[in-house]
Amino acid sequence: MDFSHSQPLSPLPKSSESPSIQDERDHPTFIQDPTTGRRIHPHDSTNVINLLYSDLHRDSQSTAHEEALFQFEELSTRGTGSEQTYSCAVSLPGFHRITGPTCSSKDLAKQGACYRVCQELFAGGHLDYRLYPQGEAAFEGGHSLNDTGTQQSGTRSYPRKEPEFWANVGSAAATSLFPTVISPSPAAVERGVYSRLAILTRQPLPEIGSVKLFDATVPITVALERAAPLQLNEGQLQDLYRYTLRMFRTISNKPYESPLEGMLYFIVPLTETWKACNDATLRDPFSFPSIAEYIPWDLVVLAGRHYAIPLTITPLDQEMQDVVVQDRWVEFTRRYRVVRIRSDLTPLSKPVDSPVCCSFGMRLLDLITVILARRRLQ
């Protein structure tokens, strides 16, 4: 979805407050965006759905969806003197039909249905942060941008703005994780330089553009793609937790410990068969690709339990791709990437085919000859 032409929603004026808004203040119910910290209350949900519906119609290439956005149903009750009740169904293009709760008026029925749609969109990671109502900007300590904080003339200080995402996701449950796939360019993957990884967060990350890395002065484009929410059981979550700790300990080559509740994100590898989203998937605003079938759980479990395993491959030249070896049986030591297996050499073999070693040997022989000649002269 393209929200580049969307205008941020403004909060409702205080004069338009209804009894339902007063009930919300007594019993707070809202959906909080992890990126900006903004909230959608039930009385804001109708504006959010209307804005989303207009963006979907603007971006769609066809007019096949002609179903009304809101459809009301009048429910009759038995008995005389009973009040009439209503229910509302919301039909967004490309999204399944959702019916809200029964209410005493059409406005409340529409509000309840729209809020239920917002809840399902949020659970699937489809509720863009630009759809949230925009309130007043808050700064730490209550300072404004014009507050210099100093008596010196010609200077101006600005309050430091820290990302609110990690503070907002810290208390979320880890039963459902939202993946963001880190995909290097196909050329880098084919050369075996980099592989694909996925960052699993407790709340969905916003859309992030591609970045460039430089490998030996060669730029490599790295795309960050959002994937469908991943449902994990307790055993898989523990394996993922141990694998992430192993990654941190191996990369930093230092001890690192953190409780499971304190992990803000997890890391998981993906197999080589993972492919980026095609154009058909990208055109569907409510569909993300799933990585569930592309996680090598056997390698995740193995790496989480052991920092190193002995080489038992026979012959060694088979399946020795993407292998790192170390020089001793301890966790924190120097590691080396396997480039090639020389089966014709042993630790006692002379590197006769190495031009570097040959030139070094010739220079060493010339040096010994000069030293001996000087001694004879003395």
Protein backbone atom coordinates (compact mmCIF):
# COMPACT_ATOMS: atom_id res chain seq x y z
CA MET A 1 0.00 0.00 0.00
CA ASP A 2 1.22 3.46 -0.86
CA PHE A 3 0.46 6.04 1.82
CA SER A 4 2.62 8.77 0.32
CA HIS A 5 -0.49 10.82 -0.55
CA SER A 6 -2.31 10.14 2.70
CA GLN A 7 -2.90 12.90 5.20
CA PRO A 8 -2.45 12.10 8.90
CA LEU A 9 -5.65 11.86 10.85
CA SER A 10 -6.32 14.58 13.37
CA PRO A 11 -7.68 13.81 16.82
CA LEU A 12 -11.38 14.42 17.32
CA PRO A 13 -12.24 17.77 18.93
CA LYS A 14 -13.39 17.75 22.50
CA SER A 15 -16.78 19.16 21.54
CA SER A 16 -17.64 16.01 19.59
CA GLU A 17 -17.20 13.64 22.51
CA SER A 18 -19.95 11.08 22.95
CA PRO A 19 -20.87 8.84 25.89
CA SER A 20 -18.88 6.01 24.25
CA ILE A 21 -15.71 8.15 24.35
CA GLN A 22 -16.30 8.85 28.02
CA ASP A 23 -16.62 5.09 28.61
CA GLU A 24 -13.28 4.57 26.85
CA ARG A 25 -11.64 7.01 29.25
CA ASP A 26 -13.04 5.12 32.21
CA HIS A 27 -11.99 1.75 30.72
CA PRO A 28 -9.03 2.39 28.34
CA THR A 29 -9.09 0.22 25.21
CA PHE A 30 -6.69 0.98 22.39
CA ILE A 31 -4.27 -0.39 19.81
CA GLN A 32 -0.77 1.04 20.18
CA ASP A 33 1.63 1.32 17.28
CA PRO A 34 5.09 0.06 18.29
CA THR A 35 6.91 2.42 15.91
CA THR A 36 5.45 5.77 16.91
CA GLY A 37 3.60 4.98 20.12
CA ARG A 38 0.34 6.41 18.72
CA ARG A 39 -2.94 4.77 19.64
CA ILE A 40 -6.19 3.85 17.95
CA HIS A 41 -9.18 4.05 20.25
CA PRO A 42 -12.56 2.61 19.26
CA HIS A 43 -13.87 6.06 18.36
CA ASP A 44 -10.88 6.54 15.98
CA SER A 45 -11.34 3.24 14.14
CA THR A 46 -14.01 4.47 11.69
CA ASN A 47 -11.71 7.21 10.36
CA VAL A 48 -8.85 4.70 10.09
CA ILE A 49 -10.94 2.26 8.01
CA ASN A 50 -12.22 5.04 5.75
CA LEU A 51 -8.66 6.23 5.10
CA LEU A 52 -7.46 2.69 4.43
CA TYR A 53 -10.39 2.04 2.09
CA SER A 54 -9.63 5.15 0.04
CA ASP A 55 -5.96 4.18 -0.28
CA LEU A 56 -6.86 0.66 -1.41
CA HIS A 57 -9.20 2.00 -4.08
CA ARG A 58 -6.61 4.47 -5.32
CA ASP A 59 -3.87 1.83 -5.59
CA SER A 60 -6.06 -0.91 -7.11
CA GLN A 61 -5.84 -1.46 -10.85
CA SER A 62 -9.40 -2.75 -11.29
CA THR A 63 -12.88 -1.97 -10.06
CA ALA A 64 -13.89 -5.55 -9.40
CA HIS A 65 -14.69 -4.82 -5.76
CA GLU A 66 -18.09 -3.16 -5.85
CA GLU A 67 -19.33 -4.36 -2.45
CA ALA A 68 -20.26 -1.64 -0.01
CA LEU A 69 -17.75 -0.91 2.72
CA PHE A 70 -20.35 -0.99 5.52
CA GLN A 71 -23.38 -3.28 5.53
CA PHE A 72 -25.87 -3.04 8.38
CA GLU A 73 -28.30 -5.68 9.58
CA GLU A 74 -31.29 -4.84 11.73
CA LEU A 75 -31.90 -7.47 14.36
CA SER A 76 -35.42 -7.88 15.70
CA THR A 77 -36.01 -9.04 19.25
CA ARG A 78 -38.97 -10.83 20.65
CA GLY A 79 -41.40 -9.14 22.97
CA THR A 80 -43.04 -5.75 23.00
CA GLY A 81 -41.23 -2.61 24.00
CA SER A 82 -37.78 -4.07 23.31
CA GLU A 83 -35.13 -1.88 21.74
CA GLN A 84 -33.90 -2.44 18.20
CA THR A 85 -30.31 -3.66 17.77
CA TYR A 86 -27.96 -3.50 14.81
CA SER A 87 -24.84 -5.24 13.55
CA CYS A 88 -22.36 -3.97 10.96
CA ALA A 89 -20.12 -5.88 8.56
CA VAL A 90 -16.97 -4.35 7.03
CA SER A 91 -15.74 -5.50 3.60
CA LEU A 92 -12.29 -4.22 2.64
CA PRO A 93 -10.91 -5.02 -0.85
CA GLY A 94 -8.66 -8.07 -0.56
CA PHE A 95 -9.58 -8.71 3.10
CA HIS A 96 -12.15 -11.08 4.51
CA ARG A 97 -15.51 -9.81 5.68
CA ILE A 98 -15.71 -9.02 9.40
CA THR A 99 -18.91 -8.56 11.40
CA GLY A 100 -18.88 -6.48 14.53
CA PRO A 101 -20.79 -6.86 17.79
CA THR A 102 -24.52 -6.08 18.19
CA CYS A 103 -25.19 -2.56 19.39
CA SER A 104 -28.15 -0.32 20.10
CA SER A 105 -27.38 2.10 17.23
CA LYS A 106 -25.82 2.00 13.79
CA ASP A 107 -23.02 4.34 14.78
CA LEU A 108 -21.94 2.12 17.66
CA ALA A 109 -22.26 -0.97 15.46
CA LYS A 110 -20.03 0.62 12.80
CA GLN A 111 -17.53 1.66 15.45
CA GLY A 112 -17.38 -1.83 16.94
CA ALA A 113 -16.93 -3.46 13.53
CA CYS A 114 -14.20 -1.03 12.47
CA TYR A 115 -12.31 -1.54 15.73
CA ARG A 116 -12.49 -5.31 15.26
CA VAL A 117 -11.04 -4.93 11.74
CA CYS A 118 -8.22 -2.79 13.15
CA GLN A 119 -7.47 -5.49 15.72
CA GLU A 120 -7.19 -8.19 13.04
CA LEU A 121 -5.06 -5.97 10.81
CA PHE A 122 -2.76 -5.25 13.75
CA ALA A 123 -2.46 -8.95 14.62
CA GLY A 124 -1.41 -9.71 11.04
CA GLY A 125 1.08 -6.84 10.83
CA HIS A 126 -0.94 -4.96 8.18
CA LEU A 127 -1.82 -1.83 10.15
CA ASP A 128 0.56 0.80 8.82
CA TYR A 129 1.84 3.35 11.30
CA ARG A 130 0.71 6.19 9.00
CA LEU A 131 -2.91 5.18 9.58
CA TYR A 132 -2.80 6.01 13.27
CA PRO A 133 -4.26 9.32 14.43
CA GLN A 134 -1.54 11.88 14.84
CA GLY A 135 -1.47 13.64 18.19
CA GLU A 136 0.75 16.35 19.61
CA ALA A 137 4.48 15.68 19.50
CA ALA A 138 5.93 14.88 22.92
CA PHE A 139 9.52 15.59 23.89
CA GLU A 140 11.49 14.40 26.87
CA GLY A 141 11.34 16.85 29.72
CA GLY A 142 8.67 18.94 28.00
CA HIS A 143 11.17 21.04 26.02
CA SER A 144 10.18 22.43 22.66
CA LEU A 145 12.41 22.72 19.61
CA ASN A 146 12.96 26.43 20.30
CA ASP A 147 14.10 25.84 23.88
CA THR A 148 17.83 26.48 23.82
CA GLY A 149 18.53 25.33 27.34
CA THR A 150 21.54 27.64 27.51
CA GLN A 151 22.16 31.35 28.03
CA GLN A 152 24.73 31.62 25.26
CA SER A 153 23.58 33.46 22.18
CA GLY A 154 23.78 31.87 18.77
CA THR A 155 23.40 28.31 20.06
CA ARG A 156 20.40 26.01 19.95
CA SER A 157 20.01 22.56 21.44
CA TYR A 158 17.55 19.94 20.29
CA PRO A 159 16.19 17.16 22.48
CA ARG A 160 17.45 13.73 21.60
CA LYS A 161 14.85 11.56 19.93
CA GLU A 162 15.25 7.85 20.62
CA PRO A 163 13.33 5.12 18.78
CA GLU A 164 10.26 4.07 20.69
CA PHE A 165 9.98 0.70 18.96
CA TRP A 166 12.19 -1.33 21.30
CA ALA A 167 10.63 0.23 24.40
CA ASN A 168 7.12 -0.61 23.13
CA VAL A 169 7.84 -4.22 22.18
CA GLY A 170 9.59 -5.18 25.42
CA SER A 171 6.40 -6.25 27.20
CA ALA A 172 4.77 -8.04 24.24
CA ALA A 173 4.38 -11.83 24.35
CA ALA A 174 6.65 -13.98 22.19
CA THR A 175 4.00 -16.50 21.17
CA SER A 176 3.65 -14.82 17.77
CA LEU A 177 6.74 -13.29 16.15
CA PHE A 178 6.94 -11.00 13.13
CA PRO A 179 9.81 -11.78 10.70
CA THR A 180 11.80 -9.32 8.63
CA VAL A 181 13.96 -11.13 6.06
CA ILE A 182 17.42 -9.74 5.31
CA SER A 183 18.04 -10.68 1.67
CA PRO A 184 21.36 -9.83 -0.04
CA SER A 185 21.46 -9.41 -3.79
CA PRO A 186 21.15 -12.66 -5.81
CA ALA A 187 24.73 -12.26 -7.04
CA ALA A 188 26.08 -12.21 -3.48
CA VAL A 189 24.03 -15.28 -2.56
CA GLU A 190 25.20 -17.22 -5.61
CA ARG A 191 28.84 -16.44 -4.81
CA GLY A 192 28.31 -17.82 -1.32
CA VAL A 193 29.44 -14.61 0.35
CA TYR A 194 26.24 -13.95 2.29
CA SER A 195 23.14 -15.91 3.17
CA ARG A 196 19.64 -14.88 4.13
CA LEU A 197 18.63 -14.28 7.72
CA ALA A 198 15.40 -13.27 9.40
CA ILE A 199 14.95 -11.00 12.41
CA LEU A 200 11.94 -12.01 14.50
CA THR A 201 10.46 -9.22 16.61
CA ARG A 202 7.59 -9.28 19.10
CA GLN A 203 5.81 -6.52 17.15
CA PRO A 204 6.03 -5.86 13.40
CA LEU A 205 8.76 -3.58 12.17
CA PRO A 206 7.69 -0.86 9.72
CA GLU A 207 8.59 -1.01 6.06
CA ILE A 208 12.32 -0.33 5.70
CA GLY A 209 14.00 0.43 2.40
CA SER A 210 16.98 -1.42 1.02
CA VAL A 211 20.52 -0.62 2.17
CA LYS A 212 23.94 -1.08 0.58
CA LEU A 213 26.91 -2.95 1.98
CA PHE A 214 30.40 -2.91 0.51
CA ASP A 215 32.39 -6.13 0.12
CA ALA A 216 35.89 -5.42 -1.18
CA THR A 217 34.64 -2.05 -2.51
CA VAL A 218 31.85 -3.82 -4.41
CA PRO A 219 28.38 -2.57 -3.42
CA ILE A 220 25.84 -5.22 -2.42
CA THR A 221 22.18 -4.31 -2.16
CA VAL A 222 20.43 -5.78 0.90
CA ALA A 223 16.64 -5.80 0.93
CA LEU A 224 14.52 -6.01 4.08
CA GLU A 225 11.27 -7.85 3.40
CA ARG A 226 8.41 -8.35 5.82
CA ALA A 227 7.00 -11.85 6.19
CA ALA A 228 3.88 -13.40 7.68
CA PRO A 229 3.64 -13.79 11.48
CA LEU A 230 5.27 -16.95 12.78
CA GLN A 231 3.53 -19.09 15.39
CA LEU A 232 5.96 -21.02 17.61
CA ASN A 233 5.52 -23.53 20.38
CA GLU A 234 7.51 -23.45 23.61
CA GLY A 235 10.18 -25.86 22.34
CA GLN A 236 10.79 -23.92 19.13
CA LEU A 237 11.00 -20.66 21.07
CA GLN A 238 13.66 -22.15 23.35
CA ASP A 239 15.66 -23.39 20.33
CA LEU A 240 15.39 -19.96 18.74
CA TYR A 241 16.51 -18.33 21.98
CA ARG A 242 19.60 -20.53 22.28
CA TYR A 243 20.49 -20.01 18.61
CA THR A 244 20.32 -16.22 18.97
CA LEU A 245 22.56 -16.29 22.04
CA ARG A 246 25.02 -18.50 20.14
CA MET A 247 25.09 -15.99 17.29
CA PHE A 248 25.85 -13.11 19.66
CA ARG A 249 28.57 -15.08 21.46
CA THR A 250 30.20 -16.26 18.23
CA ILE A 251 30.22 -12.91 16.46
CA SER A 252 31.47 -10.95 19.47
CA ASN A 253 33.73 -13.83 20.60
CA LYS A 254 32.79 -12.94 24.17
CA PRO A 255 30.43 -14.33 26.81
CA TYR A 256 26.86 -13.06 26.57
CA GLU A 257 23.79 -14.02 28.57
CA SER A 258 20.23 -12.70 28.61
CA PRO A 259 16.95 -14.12 29.90
CA LEU A 260 14.32 -15.13 27.40
CA GLU A 261 11.96 -12.41 28.63
CA GLY A 262 14.62 -9.75 27.95
CA MET A 263 15.20 -10.70 24.29
CA LEU A 264 13.80 -7.95 22.09
CA TYR A 265 14.37 -9.93 18.89
CA PHE A 266 15.58 -13.29 17.65
CA ILE A 267 17.66 -14.39 14.67
CA VAL A 268 16.95 -17.41 12.49
CA PRO A 269 18.66 -18.66 9.30
CA LEU A 270 16.82 -19.44 6.08
CA THR A 271 17.52 -22.11 3.51
CA GLU A 272 18.81 -21.39 0.02
CA THR A 273 15.40 -22.20 -1.47
CA TRP A 274 13.87 -19.02 -0.04
CA LYS A 275 12.89 -16.63 -2.77
CA ALA A 276 11.88 -13.00 -2.57
CA CYS A 277 8.26 -11.94 -3.01
CA ASN A 278 7.08 -11.88 -6.59
CA ASP A 279 5.04 -9.09 -8.07
CA ALA A 280 1.73 -10.93 -7.59
CA THR A 281 2.32 -11.13 -3.86
CA LEU A 282 3.37 -7.51 -3.62
CA ARG A 283 0.16 -6.40 -5.31
CA ASP A 284 -1.86 -8.02 -2.53
CA PRO A 285 -1.77 -5.57 0.40
CA PHE A 286 -2.88 -8.17 2.96
CA SER A 287 -0.56 -11.05 2.03
CA PHE A 288 2.95 -11.66 3.31
CA PRO A 289 5.12 -14.66 2.34
CA SER A 290 5.65 -17.28 5.03
CA ILE A 291 9.10 -18.42 6.15
CA ALA A 292 7.84 -21.37 8.21
CA GLU A 293 8.93 -23.95 5.62
CA TYR A 294 12.35 -22.38 5.04
CA ILE A 295 13.77 -22.55 8.58
CA PRO A 296 16.37 -25.36 9.01
CA TRP A 297 15.33 -26.34 12.52
CA ASP A 298 17.90 -29.16 12.68
CA LEU A 299 20.73 -26.64 12.27
CA VAL A 300 19.08 -24.22 14.70
CA VAL A 301 18.92 -26.92 17.38
CA LEU A 302 22.49 -28.08 16.68
CA ALA A 303 23.98 -24.59 16.84
CA GLY A 304 22.02 -23.72 19.96
CA ARG A 305 23.32 -26.73 21.88
CA HIS A 306 26.95 -26.89 20.67
CA TYR A 307 29.41 -24.13 19.86
CA ALA A 308 31.49 -26.56 17.77
CA ILE A 309 31.28 -30.14 16.47
CA PRO A 310 34.08 -32.42 15.27
CA LEU A 311 34.59 -32.94 11.53
CA THR A 312 33.24 -36.38 10.70
CA ILE A 313 32.67 -35.90 6.96
CA THR A 314 34.32 -38.57 4.78
CA PRO A 315 35.73 -37.59 2.38
CA LEU A 316 36.40 -34.10 3.67
CA ASP A 317 36.15 -32.40 0.29
CA GLN A 318 32.43 -33.17 0.18
CA GLU A 319 29.92 -30.87 1.89
CA MET A 320 32.67 -28.53 3.08
CA GLN A 321 30.91 -25.42 1.84
CA ASP A 322 30.16 -22.57 4.24
CA VAL A 323 32.22 -24.16 7.05
CA VAL A 324 34.16 -22.37 9.77
CA VAL A 325 36.88 -24.19 11.74
CA GLN A 326 38.78 -23.23 14.90
CA ASP A 327 42.21 -24.12 16.17
CA ARG A 328 41.32 -25.47 19.63
CA TRP A 329 38.44 -27.02 21.57
CA VAL A 330 37.28 -23.90 23.43
CA GLU A 331 34.34 -21.62 22.66
CA PHE A 332 36.14 -18.29 22.39
CA THR A 333 39.12 -18.59 20.08
CA ARG A 334 40.25 -17.75 16.56
CA ARG A 335 38.18 -19.10 13.69
CA TYR A 336 38.92 -19.64 10.01
CA ARG A 337 36.78 -20.04 6.94
CA VAL A 338 37.42 -23.15 4.88
CA VAL A 339 38.49 -22.19 1.36
CA ARG A 340 39.75 -25.47 -0.08
CA ILE A 341 40.75 -28.96 1.03
CA ARG A 342 44.23 -30.10 -0.13
CA SER A 343 44.22 -33.87 0.14
CA ASP A 344 47.72 -34.10 -1.41
CA LEU A 345 49.37 -32.31 1.52
CA THR A 346 50.11 -33.15 5.13
CA PRO A 347 51.43 -30.94 7.97
CA LEU A 348 54.97 -32.06 7.00
CA SER A 349 54.62 -31.32 3.27
CA LYS A 350 56.64 -28.54 1.66
CA PRO A 351 54.58 -25.90 -0.11
CA VAL A 352 56.56 -26.15 -3.35
CA ASP A 353 53.68 -24.80 -5.44
CA SER A 354 53.32 -21.58 -3.45
CA PRO A 355 55.03 -18.59 -5.15
CA VAL A 356 54.95 -16.63 -1.90
CA CYS A 357 56.69 -19.35 0.05
CA CYS A 358 59.17 -19.99 -2.78
CA SER A 359 60.20 -16.33 -2.97
CA PHE A 360 60.49 -16.21 0.80
CA GLY A 361 62.70 -19.31 0.75
CA MET A 362 64.98 -17.83 -1.90
CA ARG A 363 65.38 -14.59 0.06
CA LEU A 364 66.14 -16.58 3.22
CA LEU A 365 68.76 -18.62 1.34
CA ASP A 366 70.42 -15.45 -0.01
CA LEU A 367 70.50 -13.98 3.50
CA ILE A 368 72.21 -17.09 4.92
CA THR A 369 74.78 -16.99 2.10
CA VAL A 370 75.65 -13.34 2.82
CA ILE A 371 76.05 -14.04 6.55
CA LEU A 372 78.39 -16.98 5.86
CA ALA A 373 80.45 -14.91 3.41
CA ARG A 374 80.94 -12.14 5.98
CA ARG A 375 82.08 -14.63 8.58
CA ARG A 376 84.71 -16.04 6.20
CA LEU A 377 85.98 -12.52 5.56
CA GLN A 378 86.38 -11.93 9.26
